[in-house]
C-alpha cells in the first residue's frame, strides 16, 4: 500500500483497536476512485482525507466481520455527492443510515493480480472513462474496476439497483463506442457488438 502523507496531516479521533490498519489498507483504492471522481489530485486527497475522518469517527458503529471496504466506499461516495451538491468540500454530511447498511454484504477477497490489472488501465481506457458523464462513470468504475456488487453500488450511490444496472449498461456502451468507434455494416446500420467489461471478471 502506498503511503499518503495527507492522511496524517490533520488530527483525528482515536479509532477502535484494529480498525485503523484495516481501513488504511484501502487507501490506494479509495484514492484511485477519488481521482476518477474529482479529476484533480489535490481534490482527491481532500476527498480521501474527509472519508477517513468520517470513518474513524464512526468506527464504533462498524460491525466487525462485515464489509469494511464497501463501508468506506459508501462514505467516500456520499461525501463526494454532498460536496458536489453543495459546491464545497469543507462541510459535508454523511447519511448515517446508508453508512450503517454499507457493510452488510460480504464479498470475495481481491487477488493481487486483479489489483495490478486495475492499477494499470491503459491511457485510452482511462481517457474514455474520464469522458463519460459522471453518473455513468461512477457506476461503471465501481462495478468493473472496483468490482462491487449491484446492491453495494446501489447503497453507495443511494439509487435503486435497477438504475445502477441501467447506468452500467449505458456506460459500457458509451465506453465501447469511444474506444472502438461504431462502424456501419454493409447495409449502413450500426454494429451491435457487445461492449467489453472494463477490467476483471464481474461478480
Protein backbone atom coordinates (compact mmCIF):
# COMPACT_ATOMS: atom_id res chain seq x y z
CA UNK A 1 0.00 0.00 0.00
CA UNK A 2 1.28 3.44 -0.87
CA UNK A 3 1.83 5.94 1.93
CA UNK A 4 -0.35 9.03 1.72
CA UNK A 5 1.05 11.84 3.89
CA UNK A 6 -2.26 13.71 3.74
CA UNK A 7 -3.85 11.01 5.91
CA UNK A 8 -1.76 12.10 8.87
CA UNK A 9 -1.87 15.82 8.20
CA UNK A 10 -4.88 16.52 10.41
CA UNK A 11 -5.85 15.41 13.89
CA UNK A 12 -8.44 12.68 14.08
CA UNK A 13 -10.26 10.77 16.81
CA UNK A 14 -8.65 7.57 18.04
CA UNK A 15 -10.45 4.66 16.33
CA UNK A 16 -11.30 1.34 17.92
CA UNK A 17 -8.46 -1.17 18.18
CA UNK A 18 -7.61 -2.88 14.89
CA UNK A 19 -9.90 -0.69 12.82
CA UNK A 20 -7.32 1.80 11.57
CA UNK A 21 -4.87 -0.66 9.92
CA UNK A 22 -7.69 -2.44 8.11
CA UNK A 23 -9.23 0.85 6.98
CA UNK A 24 -5.93 2.35 5.81
CA UNK A 25 -5.25 -0.77 3.74
CA UNK A 26 -7.95 0.54 1.37
CA UNK A 27 -6.24 3.93 0.87
CA UNK A 28 -4.92 3.12 -2.60
CA UNK A 29 -8.32 2.02 -3.89
CA UNK A 30 -10.10 4.98 -2.30
CA UNK A 31 -7.63 7.46 -3.75
CA UNK A 32 -7.81 5.84 -7.19
CA UNK A 33 -11.57 6.20 -7.17
CA UNK A 34 -11.47 9.71 -5.72
CA UNK A 35 -9.14 10.75 -8.55
CA UNK A 36 -11.55 9.41 -11.15
CA UNK A 37 -14.37 11.36 -9.48
CA UNK A 38 -12.62 14.68 -8.94
CA UNK A 39 -10.12 14.67 -11.85
CA UNK A 40 -7.64 16.55 -9.64
CA UNK A 41 -5.02 15.05 -7.27
CA UNK A 42 -5.41 17.69 -4.55
CA UNK A 43 -9.20 17.35 -4.61
CA UNK A 44 -8.88 13.55 -4.50
CA UNK A 45 -6.61 13.83 -1.46
CA UNK A 46 -9.14 16.08 0.27
CA UNK A 47 -11.92 13.63 -0.50
CA UNK A 48 -9.99 10.65 0.88
CA UNK A 49 -8.99 12.69 3.95
CA UNK A 50 -12.63 13.54 4.66
CA UNK A 51 -13.61 9.92 4.09
CA UNK A 52 -11.14 8.66 6.69
CA UNK A 53 -12.03 11.36 9.21
CA UNK A 54 -15.67 10.36 8.99
CA UNK A 55 -14.81 6.65 9.07
CA UNK A 56 -12.68 6.99 12.20
CA UNK A 57 -15.41 9.00 13.94
CA UNK A 58 -17.97 6.32 13.07
CA UNK A 59 -15.67 3.34 13.74
CA UNK A 60 -17.60 2.27 16.83
CA UNK A 61 -20.70 1.79 14.65
CA UNK A 62 -18.96 -0.55 12.22
CA UNK A 63 -19.86 -4.19 12.79
CA UNK A 64 -16.78 -6.41 12.83
CA UNK A 65 -16.87 -9.12 10.18
CA UNK A 66 -18.92 -7.13 7.69
CA UNK A 67 -17.68 -5.48 4.51
CA UNK A 68 -15.32 -2.70 5.60
CA UNK A 69 -14.31 -1.92 2.02
CA UNK A 70 -17.90 -1.30 0.92
CA UNK A 71 -18.49 0.74 4.09
CA UNK A 72 -15.53 3.02 3.30
CA UNK A 73 -16.53 3.43 -0.34
CA UNK A 74 -20.04 4.35 0.74
CA UNK A 75 -18.64 7.14 2.90
CA UNK A 76 -16.43 8.27 0.00
CA UNK A 77 -19.29 8.38 -2.49
CA UNK A 78 -21.66 10.02 -0.01
CA UNK A 79 -19.07 12.68 0.83
CA UNK A 80 -18.36 13.36 -2.83
CA UNK A 81 -22.06 13.56 -3.67
CA UNK A 82 -22.73 16.04 -0.87
CA UNK A 83 -19.70 18.13 -1.77
CA UNK A 84 -20.72 18.24 -5.42
CA UNK A 85 -24.26 19.17 -4.47
CA UNK A 86 -23.20 21.89 -2.07
CA UNK A 87 -20.39 23.18 -4.27
CA UNK A 88 -17.82 22.91 -1.47
CA UNK A 89 -15.61 20.31 0.20
CA UNK A 90 -15.34 21.92 3.63
CA UNK A 91 -18.63 20.92 5.22
CA UNK A 92 -20.29 17.70 4.17
CA UNK A 93 -22.82 15.41 5.78
CA UNK A 94 -22.85 11.64 5.89
CA UNK A 95 -26.12 9.76 5.59
CA UNK A 96 -25.79 7.61 8.71
CA UNK A 97 -28.39 5.07 7.61
CA UNK A 98 -26.62 4.44 4.30
CA UNK A 99 -23.26 4.14 6.03
CA UNK A 100 -24.61 1.77 8.65
CA UNK A 101 -26.02 -0.53 5.94
CA UNK A 102 -22.92 -0.44 3.76
CA UNK A 103 -21.01 -3.28 5.40
CA UNK A 104 -23.82 -5.79 5.44
CA UNK A 105 -22.81 -7.63 2.27
CA UNK A 106 -19.69 -9.80 2.19
CA UNK A 107 -17.58 -10.34 -0.92
CA UNK A 108 -14.62 -12.38 -2.11
CA UNK A 109 -11.06 -11.32 -1.38
CA UNK A 110 -9.50 -9.43 -4.29
CA UNK A 111 -6.36 -11.06 -5.67
CA UNK A 112 -3.07 -9.20 -6.24
CA UNK A 113 -3.46 -9.90 -9.97
CA UNK A 114 -6.82 -8.10 -10.03
CA UNK A 115 -5.38 -5.14 -8.13
CA UNK A 116 -2.50 -4.90 -10.63
CA UNK A 117 -4.89 -5.05 -13.55
CA UNK A 118 -7.00 -2.26 -12.11
CA UNK A 119 -3.94 -0.11 -11.42
CA UNK A 120 -2.60 -0.41 -14.97
CA UNK A 121 -5.55 0.62 -17.10
CA UNK A 122 -4.13 1.87 -20.39
CA UNK A 123 -4.27 5.55 -21.27
CA UNK A 124 -7.01 5.16 -23.89
CA UNK A 125 -9.30 3.40 -21.46
CA UNK A 126 -8.64 5.92 -18.69
CA UNK A 127 -9.38 8.77 -21.08
CA UNK A 128 -12.57 7.07 -22.22
CA UNK A 129 -13.67 6.55 -18.62
CA UNK A 130 -12.94 10.17 -17.75
CA UNK A 131 -15.00 11.26 -20.73
CA UNK A 132 -18.16 9.51 -19.55
CA UNK A 133 -20.93 11.54 -17.90
CA UNK A 134 -20.35 11.40 -14.12
CA UNK A 135 -23.31 9.16 -13.31
CA UNK A 136 -22.19 6.52 -15.81
CA UNK A 137 -18.51 6.85 -14.89
CA UNK A 138 -19.21 6.26 -11.21
CA UNK A 139 -21.35 3.18 -11.81
CA UNK A 140 -19.01 1.57 -14.36
CA UNK A 141 -15.93 2.25 -12.24
CA UNK A 142 -17.44 0.80 -9.07
CA UNK A 143 -18.67 -2.31 -10.87
CA UNK A 144 -15.97 -3.14 -13.41
CA UNK A 145 -12.83 -1.79 -11.74
CA UNK A 146 -13.59 -1.98 -8.01
CA UNK A 147 -15.91 -4.98 -8.56
CA UNK A 148 -18.64 -4.13 -6.10
CA UNK A 149 -22.00 -5.88 -6.41
CA UNK A 150 -25.03 -4.09 -7.82
CA UNK A 151 -26.55 -3.99 -4.33
CA UNK A 152 -23.42 -2.42 -2.86
CA UNK A 153 -23.26 0.20 -5.60
CA UNK A 154 -26.93 1.00 -5.10
CA UNK A 155 -26.22 1.72 -1.44
CA UNK A 156 -23.15 3.80 -2.27
CA UNK A 157 -24.96 5.94 -4.83
CA UNK A 158 -28.28 5.89 -2.96
CA UNK A 159 -30.22 4.81 -6.05
CA UNK A 160 -32.25 1.68 -6.93
CA UNK A 161 -30.36 -1.39 -8.12
CA UNK A 162 -32.24 -1.23 -11.42
CA UNK A 163 -30.88 2.27 -12.00
CA UNK A 164 -27.38 1.01 -11.25
CA UNK A 165 -27.75 -1.74 -13.85
CA UNK A 166 -29.07 0.74 -16.41
CA UNK A 167 -26.21 3.18 -15.83
CA UNK A 168 -23.63 0.41 -16.10
CA UNK A 169 -25.15 -0.89 -19.33
CA UNK A 170 -25.29 2.57 -20.89
CA UNK A 171 -21.85 3.48 -19.58
CA UNK A 172 -20.30 0.34 -21.05
CA UNK A 173 -21.97 1.10 -24.38
CA UNK A 174 -20.52 4.62 -24.38
CA UNK A 175 -17.09 3.25 -23.48
CA UNK A 176 -17.28 0.75 -26.30
CA UNK A 177 -18.21 3.46 -28.77
CA UNK A 178 -15.42 5.75 -27.56
CA UNK A 179 -12.78 3.02 -27.66
CA UNK A 180 -13.67 1.25 -30.88
CA UNK A 181 -15.99 3.59 -32.73
CA UNK A 182 -19.25 2.39 -34.24
CA UNK A 183 -18.83 1.24 -37.81
CA UNK A 184 -21.81 0.89 -40.15
CA UNK A 185 -22.25 -2.54 -41.70
CA UNK A 186 -22.68 -3.09 -45.42
CA UNK A 187 -26.32 -2.02 -45.14
CA UNK A 188 -25.48 1.20 -43.31
CA UNK A 189 -26.59 0.01 -39.87
CA UNK A 190 -24.61 0.41 -36.69
CA UNK A 191 -22.70 -2.59 -35.43
CA UNK A 192 -24.12 -4.11 -32.25
CA UNK A 193 -21.10 -5.87 -30.80
CA UNK A 194 -21.45 -6.06 -27.03
CA UNK A 195 -19.15 -3.66 -25.12
CA UNK A 196 -16.46 -5.34 -23.04
CA UNK A 197 -16.25 -5.09 -19.28
CA UNK A 198 -13.60 -2.60 -18.20
CA UNK A 199 -11.39 -4.83 -16.10
CA UNK A 200 -11.53 -8.15 -14.35
CA UNK A 201 -14.42 -10.61 -14.09
CA UNK A 202 -17.69 -9.10 -12.91
CA UNK A 203 -19.38 -10.71 -9.98
